Amino acid sequence: MLCLTQTSSDTFQVMATQPDTYTSCMHILASASDISVLVPLTATQGLQIATAIGVCWATGFAFRVLGQFLNHKSNESET
C-alpha cells in the first residue's frame, strides 16, 4: 500500500517517505493483493461451508413440501 498526498493541482502524488501506519494518510493506493475480500479457505473448509448451505436449503425445501402436503390434505378433507 502507498500513502498519497493531494497536490494543489488536484492530482495525487506518492509520499516520499511512507509512514509506519496508514492511519495518518488522506488517501491510500492499494493493490488487489493488499485487499482480500474473501477469506482464503482450504478445500475442507469450503466443503464444510457448502455442506452447511446444502443442509439449510434441504431443510427449507422439506418444510415447503410438508406445508404443501398438509395444505393439500386439508383441502381434500373440506370437500
PDB file of N, CA and C in Angstrom:
ATOM      1  N   MET A   1       0.846  -1.171   0.000  1.00  0.00           N
ATOM      2  CA  MET A   1       0.000   0.000   0.000  1.00  0.00           C
ATOM      3  C   MET A   1       0.890   1.232   0.000  1.00  0.00           C
ATOM      4  N   LEU A   2       0.380   2.252  -0.656  1.00  0.00           N
ATOM      5  CA  LEU A   2       1.131   3.501  -0.729  1.00  0.00           C
ATOM      6  C   LEU A   2       0.286   4.641  -0.188  1.00  0.00           C
ATOM      7  N   CYS A   3       0.901   5.515   0.568  1.00  0.00           N
ATOM      8  CA  CYS A   3       0.240   6.694   1.095  1.00  0.00           C
ATOM      9  C   CYS A   3       0.384   7.813   0.063  1.00  0.00           C
ATOM     10  N   LEU A   4      -0.727   8.484  -0.261  1.00  0.00           N
ATOM     11  CA  LEU A   4      -0.725   9.534  -1.274  1.00  0.00           C
ATOM     12  C   LEU A   4      -1.064  10.880  -0.648  1.00  0.00           C
ATOM     13  N   THR A   5      -0.562  11.940  -1.266  1.00  0.00           N
ATOM     14  CA  THR A   5      -0.950  13.300  -0.887  1.00  0.00           C
ATOM     15  C   THR A   5      -1.585  13.960  -2.098  1.00  0.00           C
ATOM     16  N   GLN A   6      -2.470  14.907  -1.833  1.00  0.00           N
ATOM     17  CA  GLN A   6      -3.127  15.626  -2.918  1.00  0.00           C
ATOM     18  C   GLN A   6      -2.391  16.933  -3.141  1.00  0.00           C
ATOM     19  N   THR A   7      -2.028  17.189  -4.394  1.00  0.00           N
ATOM     20  CA  THR A   7      -1.289  18.406  -4.717  1.00  0.00           C
ATOM     21  C   THR A   7      -2.261  19.556  -4.959  1.00  0.00           C
ATOM     22  N   SER A   8      -1.736  20.737  -5.137  1.00  0.00           N
ATOM     23  CA  SER A   8      -2.572  21.919  -5.358  1.00  0.00           C
ATOM     24  C   SER A   8      -3.313  21.856  -6.694  1.00  0.00           C
ATOM     25  N   SER A   9      -2.808  21.079  -7.639  1.00  0.00           N
ATOM     26  CA  SER A   9      -3.472  20.951  -8.940  1.00  0.00           C
ATOM     27  C   SER A   9      -4.452  19.770  -8.961  1.00  0.00           C
ATOM     28  N   ASP A  10      -4.880  19.330  -7.762  1.00  0.00           N
ATOM     29  CA  ASP A  10      -5.839  18.227  -7.609  1.00  0.00           C
ATOM     30  C   ASP A  10      -5.373  16.926  -8.243  1.00  0.00           C
ATOM     31  N   THR A  11      -4.097  16.676  -8.172  1.00  0.00           N
ATOM     32  CA  THR A  11      -3.555  15.379  -8.565  1.00  0.00           C
ATOM     33  C   THR A  11      -2.981  14.721  -7.322  1.00  0.00           C
ATOM     34  N   PHE A  12      -2.682  13.473  -7.428  1.00  0.00           N
ATOM     35  CA  PHE A  12      -2.151  12.738  -6.283  1.00  0.00           C
ATOM     36  C   PHE A  12      -0.693  12.390  -6.522  1.00  0.00           C
ATOM     37  N   GLN A  13       0.058  12.424  -5.444  1.00  0.00           N
ATOM     38  CA  GLN A  13       1.476  12.131  -5.520  1.00  0.00           C
ATOM     39  C   GLN A  13       1.823  11.181  -4.379  1.00  0.00           C
ATOM     40  N   VAL A  14       2.652  10.184  -4.683  1.00  0.00           N
ATOM     41  CA  VAL A  14       3.104   9.247  -3.658  1.00  0.00           C
ATOM     42  C   VAL A  14       4.029   9.984  -2.710  1.00  0.00           C
ATOM     43  N   MET A  15       3.765   9.812  -1.407  1.00  0.00           N
ATOM     44  CA  MET A  15       4.623  10.476  -0.416  1.00  0.00           C
ATOM     45  C   MET A  15       6.041   9.920  -0.512  1.00  0.00           C
ATOM     46  N   ALA A  16       7.013  10.786  -0.370  1.00  0.00           N
ATOM     47  CA  ALA A  16       8.419  10.375  -0.478  1.00  0.00           C
ATOM     48  C   ALA A  16       8.785   9.400   0.635  1.00  0.00           C
ATOM     49  N   THR A  17       8.350   9.688   1.840  1.00  0.00           N
ATOM     50  CA  THR A  17       8.587   8.761   2.953  1.00  0.00           C
ATOM     51  C   THR A  17       7.236   8.202   3.396  1.00  0.00           C
ATOM     52  N   GLN A  18       7.142   6.903   3.400  1.00  0.00           N
ATOM     53  CA  GLN A  18       5.898   6.242   3.779  1.00  0.00           C
ATOM     54  C   GLN A  18       5.828   6.122   5.306  1.00  0.00           C
ATOM     55  N   PRO A  19       4.677   6.441   5.894  1.00  0.00           N
ATOM     56  CA  PRO A  19       4.553   6.338   7.355  1.00  0.00           C
ATOM     57  C   PRO A  19       4.511   4.874   7.798  1.00  0.00           C
ATOM     58  N   ASP A  20       4.763   4.678   9.094  1.00  0.00           N
ATOM     59  CA  ASP A  20       4.715   3.322   9.652  1.00  0.00           C
ATOM     60  C   ASP A  20       3.279   2.792   9.694  1.00  0.00           C
ATOM     61  N   THR A  21       2.340   3.659   9.991  1.00  0.00           N
ATOM     62  CA  THR A  21       0.923   3.269   9.995  1.00  0.00           C
ATOM     63  C   THR A  21       0.197   4.134   8.976  1.00  0.00           C
ATOM     64  N   TYR A  22      -0.838   3.583   8.398  1.00  0.00           N
ATOM     65  CA  TYR A  22      -1.558   4.289   7.341  1.00  0.00           C
ATOM     66  C   TYR A  22      -2.738   5.087   7.880  1.00  0.00           C
ATOM     67  N   THR A  23      -2.857   5.215   9.197  1.00  0.00           N
ATOM     68  CA  THR A  23      -3.968   5.968   9.768  1.00  0.00           C
ATOM     69  C   THR A  23      -3.830   7.463   9.517  1.00  0.00           C
ATOM     70  N   SER A  24      -2.623   7.940   9.284  1.00  0.00           N
ATOM     71  CA  SER A  24      -2.410   9.368   9.046  1.00  0.00           C
ATOM     72  C   SER A  24      -2.545   9.750   7.569  1.00  0.00           C
ATOM     73  N   CYS A  25      -2.751   8.784   6.683  1.00  0.00           N
ATOM     74  CA  CYS A  25      -2.848   9.057   5.246  1.00  0.00           C
ATOM     75  C   CYS A  25      -4.228   9.586   4.880  1.00  0.00           C
ATOM     76  N   MET A  26      -4.242  10.569   4.010  1.00  0.00           N
ATOM     77  CA  MET A  26      -5.517  11.069   3.491  1.00  0.00           C
ATOM     78  C   MET A  26      -6.050  10.123   2.411  1.00  0.00           C
ATOM     79  N   HIS A  27      -5.175   9.565   1.607  1.00  0.00           N
ATOM     80  CA  HIS A  27      -5.545   8.659   0.528  1.00  0.00           C
ATOM     81  C   HIS A  27      -4.555   7.495   0.514  1.00  0.00           C
ATOM     82  N   ILE A  28      -5.079   6.303   0.235  1.00  0.00           N
ATOM     83  CA  ILE A  28      -4.243   5.105   0.189  1.00  0.00           C
ATOM     84  C   ILE A  28      -4.447   4.423  -1.159  1.00  0.00           C
ATOM     85  N   LEU A  29      -3.352   4.051  -1.777  1.00  0.00           N
ATOM     86  CA  LEU A  29      -3.397   3.291  -3.020  1.00  0.00           C
ATOM     87  C   LEU A  29      -3.041   1.850  -2.680  1.00  0.00           C
ATOM     88  N   ALA A  30      -4.003   0.951  -2.885  1.00  0.00           N
ATOM     89  CA  ALA A  30      -3.800  -0.453  -2.528  1.00  0.00           C
ATOM     90  C   ALA A  30      -3.898  -1.328  -3.764  1.00  0.00           C
ATOM     91  N   SER A  31      -3.110  -2.371  -3.790  1.00  0.00           N
ATOM     92  CA  SER A  31      -3.197  -3.341  -4.885  1.00  0.00           C
ATOM     93  C   SER A  31      -4.199  -4.419  -4.497  1.00  0.00           C
ATOM     94  N   ALA A  32      -4.568  -5.233  -5.447  1.00  0.00           N
ATOM     95  CA  ALA A  32      -5.545  -6.292  -5.190  1.00  0.00           C
ATOM     96  C   ALA A  32      -5.033  -7.286  -4.158  1.00  0.00           C
ATOM     97  N   SER A  33      -3.743  -7.504  -4.121  1.00  0.00           N
ATOM     98  CA  SER A  33      -3.196  -8.444  -3.146  1.00  0.00           C
ATOM     99  C   SER A  33      -3.219  -7.874  -1.723  1.00  0.00           C
ATOM    100  N   ASP A  34      -3.292  -6.534  -1.601  1.00  0.00           N
ATOM    101  CA  ASP A  34      -3.370  -5.910  -0.280  1.00  0.00           C
ATOM    102  C   ASP A  34      -4.755  -6.045   0.340  1.00  0.00           C
ATOM    103  N   ILE A  35      -5.762  -6.099  -0.502  1.00  0.00           N
ATOM    104  CA  ILE A  35      -7.140  -6.163  -0.027  1.00  0.00           C
ATOM    105  C   ILE A  35      -7.706  -7.525  -0.390  1.00  0.00           C
ATOM    106  N   SER A  36      -8.084  -8.269   0.610  1.00  0.00           N
ATOM    107  CA  SER A  36      -8.668  -9.589   0.378  1.00  0.00           C
ATOM    108  C   SER A  36     -10.126  -9.547   0.794  1.00  0.00           C
ATOM    109  N   VAL A  37     -11.027  -9.648  -0.173  1.00  0.00           N
ATOM    110  CA  VAL A  37     -12.460  -9.616   0.115  1.00  0.00           C
ATOM    111  C   VAL A  37     -12.886 -10.953   0.707  1.00  0.00           C
ATOM    112  N   LEU A  38     -12.402 -12.019   0.148  1.00  0.00           N
ATOM    113  CA  LEU A  38     -12.756 -13.342   0.624  1.00  0.00           C
ATOM    114  C   LEU A  38     -11.638 -13.908   1.489  1.00  0.00           C
ATOM    115  N   VAL A  39     -12.034 -14.609   2.500  1.00  0.00           N
ATOM    116  CA  VAL A  39     -11.058 -15.254   3.369  1.00  0.00           C
ATOM    117  C   VAL A  39     -10.521 -16.480   2.637  1.00  0.00           C
ATOM    118  N   PRO A  40      -9.234 -16.649   2.565  1.00  0.00           N
ATOM    119  CA  PRO A  40      -8.704 -17.834   1.892  1.00  0.00           C
ATOM    120  C   PRO A  40      -9.103 -19.098   2.658  1.00  0.00           C
ATOM    121  N   LEU A  41      -9.718 -20.036   1.964  1.00  0.00           N
ATOM    122  CA  LEU A  41     -10.197 -21.269   2.582  1.00  0.00           C
ATOM    123  C   LEU A  41      -9.451 -22.465   2.027  1.00  0.00           C
ATOM    124  N   THR A  42      -9.331 -23.480   2.854  1.00  0.00           N
ATOM    125  CA  THR A  42      -8.830 -24.755   2.358  1.00  0.00           C
ATOM    126  C   THR A  42      -9.989 -25.486   1.712  1.00  0.00           C
ATOM    127  N   ALA A  43      -9.698 -26.555   1.005  1.00  0.00           N
ATOM    128  CA  ALA A  43     -10.765 -27.334   0.371  1.00  0.00           C
ATOM    129  C   ALA A  43     -11.704 -27.919   1.416  1.00  0.00           C
ATOM    130  N   THR A  44     -11.169 -28.337   2.538  1.00  0.00           N
ATOM    131  CA  THR A  44     -12.001 -28.903   3.606  1.00  0.00           C
ATOM    132  C   THR A  44     -12.949 -27.854   4.179  1.00  0.00           C
ATOM    133  N   GLN A  45     -12.456 -26.646   4.411  1.00  0.00           N
ATOM    134  CA  GLN A  45     -13.294 -25.581   4.936  1.00  0.00           C
ATOM    135  C   GLN A  45     -14.384 -25.193   3.935  1.00  0.00           C
ATOM    136  N   GLY A  46     -14.026 -25.136   2.663  1.00  0.00           N
ATOM    137  CA  GLY A  46     -15.017 -24.840   1.633  1.00  0.00           C
ATOM    138  C   GLY A  46     -16.097 -25.900   1.567  1.00  0.00           C
ATOM    139  N   LEU A  47     -15.697 -27.153   1.708  1.00  0.00           N
ATOM    140  CA  LEU A  47     -16.662 -28.247   1.700  1.00  0.00           C
ATOM    141  C   LEU A  47     -17.589 -28.160   2.907  1.00  0.00           C
ATOM    142  N   GLN A  48     -17.064 -27.805   4.058  1.00  0.00           N
ATOM    143  CA  GLN A  48     -17.898 -27.658   5.254  1.00  0.00           C
ATOM    144  C   GLN A  48     -18.927 -26.547   5.076  1.00  0.00           C
ATOM    145  N   ILE A  49     -18.526 -25.432   4.506  1.00  0.00           N
ATOM    146  CA  ILE A  49     -19.462 -24.329   4.269  1.00  0.00           C
ATOM    147  C   ILE A  49     -20.506 -24.734   3.242  1.00  0.00           C
ATOM    148  N   ALA A  50     -20.089 -25.390   2.162  1.00  0.00           N
ATOM    149  CA  ALA A  50     -21.034 -25.841   1.144  1.00  0.00           C
ATOM    150  C   ALA A  50     -22.023 -26.844   1.715  1.00  0.00           C
ATOM    151  N   THR A  51     -21.560 -27.736   2.582  1.00  0.00           N
ATOM    152  CA  THR A  51     -22.444 -28.714   3.212  1.00  0.00           C
ATOM    153  C   THR A  51     -23.460 -28.014   4.104  1.00  0.00           C
ATOM    154  N   ALA A  52     -23.027 -27.028   4.874  1.00  0.00           N
ATOM    155  CA  ALA A  52     -23.947 -26.288   5.742  1.00  0.00           C
ATOM    156  C   ALA A  52     -25.007 -25.564   4.929  1.00  0.00           C
ATOM    157  N   ILE A  53     -24.618 -24.968   3.813  1.00  0.00           N
ATOM    158  CA  ILE A  53     -25.583 -24.292   2.940  1.00  0.00           C
ATOM    159  C   ILE A  53     -26.556 -25.302   2.356  1.00  0.00           C
ATOM    160  N   GLY A  54     -26.055 -26.459   1.927  1.00  0.00           N
ATOM    161  CA  GLY A  54     -26.919 -27.510   1.381  1.00  0.00           C
ATOM    162  C   GLY A  54     -27.911 -28.029   2.406  1.00  0.00           C
ATOM    163  N   VAL A  55     -27.480 -28.189   3.652  1.00  0.00           N
ATOM    164  CA  VAL A  55     -28.386 -28.659   4.707  1.00  0.00           C
ATOM    165  C   VAL A  55     -29.468 -27.617   4.969  1.00  0.00           C
ATOM    166  N   CYS A  56     -29.106 -26.343   4.996  1.00  0.00           N
ATOM    167  CA  CYS A  56     -30.111 -25.284   5.185  1.00  0.00           C
ATOM    168  C   CYS A  56     -31.114 -25.287   4.043  1.00  0.00           C
ATOM    169  N   TRP A  57     -30.634 -25.416   2.807  1.00  0.00           N
ATOM    170  CA  TRP A  57     -31.521 -25.452   1.655  1.00  0.00           C
ATOM    171  C   TRP A  57     -32.443 -26.669   1.727  1.00  0.00           C
ATOM    172  N   ALA A  58     -31.906 -27.839   2.044  1.00  0.00           N
ATOM    173  CA  ALA A  58     -32.710 -29.062   2.111  1.00  0.00           C
ATOM    174  C   ALA A  58     -33.761 -28.973   3.210  1.00  0.00           C
ATOM    175  N   THR A  59     -33.419 -28.366   4.339  1.00  0.00           N
ATOM    176  CA  THR A  59     -34.382 -28.193   5.425  1.00  0.00           C
ATOM    177  C   THR A  59     -35.528 -27.285   4.981  1.00  0.00           C
ATOM    178  N   GLY A  60     -35.217 -26.192   4.340  1.00  0.00           N
ATOM    179  CA  GLY A  60     -36.253 -25.297   3.818  1.00  0.00           C
ATOM    180  C   GLY A  60     -37.127 -25.982   2.781  1.00  0.00           C
ATOM    181  N   PHE A  61     -36.502 -26.752   1.904  1.00  0.00           N
ATOM    182  CA  PHE A  61     -37.257 -27.474   0.877  1.00  0.00           C
ATOM    183  C   PHE A  61     -38.193 -28.495   1.528  1.00  0.00           C
ATOM    184  N   ALA A  62     -37.700 -29.199   2.549  1.00  0.00           N
ATOM    185  CA  ALA A  62     -38.528 -30.197   3.230  1.00  0.00           C
ATOM    186  C   ALA A  62     -39.726 -29.534   3.905  1.00  0.00           C
ATOM    187  N   PHE A  63     -39.528 -28.393   4.549  1.00  0.00           N
ATOM    188  CA  PHE A  63     -40.654 -27.685   5.170  1.00  0.00           C
ATOM    189  C   PHE A  63     -41.651 -27.205   4.115  1.00  0.00           C
ATOM    190  N   ARG A  64     -41.151 -26.776   2.966  1.00  0.00           N
ATOM    191  CA  ARG A  64     -42.039 -26.328   1.893  1.00  0.00           C
ATOM    192  C   ARG A  64     -42.897 -27.485   1.388  1.00  0.00           C
ATOM    193  N   VAL A  65     -42.276 -28.628   1.152  1.00  0.00           N
ATOM    194  CA  VAL A  65     -43.014 -29.803   0.674  1.00  0.00           C
ATOM    195  C   VAL A  65     -44.009 -30.262   1.734  1.00  0.00           C
ATOM    196  N   LEU A  66     -43.607 -30.266   2.998  1.00  0.00           N
ATOM    197  CA  LEU A  66     -44.506 -30.658   4.079  1.00  0.00           C
ATOM    198  C   LEU A  66     -45.694 -29.701   4.160  1.00  0.00           C
ATOM    199  N   GLY A  67     -45.452 -28.419   4.022  1.00  0.00           N
ATOM    200  CA  GLY A  67     -46.538 -27.436   4.029  1.00  0.00           C
ATOM    201  C   GLY A  67     -47.501 -27.648   2.878  1.00  0.00           C
ATOM    202  N   GLN A  68     -46.983 -27.931   1.698  1.00  0.00           N
ATOM    203  CA  GLN A  68     -47.850 -28.196   0.546  1.00  0.00           C
ATOM    204  C   GLN A  68     -48.655 -29.474   0.760  1.00  0.00           C
ATOM    205  N   PHE A  69     -48.035 -30.484   1.341  1.00  0.00           N
ATOM    206  CA  PHE A  69     -48.715 -31.752   1.597  1.00  0.00           C
ATOM    207  C   PHE A  69     -49.857 -31.547   2.594  1.00  0.00           C
ATOM    208  N   LEU A  70     -49.582 -30.837   3.685  1.00  0.00           N
ATOM    209  CA  LEU A  70     -50.612 -30.593   4.689  1.00  0.00           C
ATOM    210  C   LEU A  70     -51.735 -29.718   4.137  1.00  0.00           C
ATOM    211  N   ASN A  71     -51.374 -28.738   3.323  1.00  0.00           N
ATOM    212  CA  ASN A  71     -52.377 -27.884   2.698  1.00  0.00           C
ATOM    213  C   ASN A  71     -53.254 -28.692   1.756  1.00  0.00           C
ATOM    214  N   HIS A  72     -52.653 -29.592   1.001  1.00  0.00           N
ATOM    215  CA  HIS A  72     -53.408 -30.435   0.069  1.00  0.00           C
ATOM    216  C   HIS A  72     -54.333 -31.364   0.828  1.00  0.00           C
ATOM    217  N   LYS A  73     -53.875 -31.935   1.950  1.00  0.00           N
ATOM    218  CA  LYS A  73     -54.693 -32.837   2.762  1.00  0.00           C
ATOM    219  C   LYS A  73     -55.864 -32.086   3.382  1.00  0.00           C
ATOM    220  N   SER A  74     -55.648 -30.855   3.831  1.00  0.00           N
ATOM    221  CA  SER A  74     -56.752 -30.100   4.448  1.00  0.00           C
ATOM    222  C   SER A  74     -57.766 -29.691   3.392  1.00  0.00           C
ATOM    223  N   ASN A  75     -57.335 -29.432   2.158  1.00  0.00           N
ATOM    224  CA  ASN A  75     -58.266 -29.113   1.073  1.00  0.00           C
ATOM    225  C   ASN A  75     -59.096 -30.337   0.703  1.00  0.00           C
ATOM    226  N   GLU A  76     -58.541 -31.529   0.743  1.00  0.00           N
ATOM    227  CA  GLU A  76     -59.281 -32.751   0.424  1.00  0.00           C
ATOM    228  C   GLU A  76     -60.337 -33.048   1.484  1.00  0.00           C
ATOM    229  N   SER A  77     -60.031 -32.784   2.754  1.00  0.00           N
ATOM    230  CA  SER A  77     -60.975 -33.096   3.823  1.00  0.00           C
ATOM    231  C   SER A  77     -62.146 -32.115   3.836  1.00  0.00           C
ATOM    232  N   GLU A  78     -61.994 -30.915   3.281  1.00  0.00           N
ATOM    233  CA  GLU A  78     -63.081 -29.936   3.240  1.00  0.00           C
ATOM    234  C   GLU A  78     -64.100 -30.268   2.166  1.00  0.00           C
ATOM    235  N   THR A  79     -63.732 -30.972   1.122  1.00  0.00           N
ATOM    236  CA  THR A  79     -64.669 -31.263   0.030  1.00  0.00           C
ATOM    237  C   THR A  79     -65.430 -32.532   0.269  1.00  0.00           C
TER     238      THR A  79
END
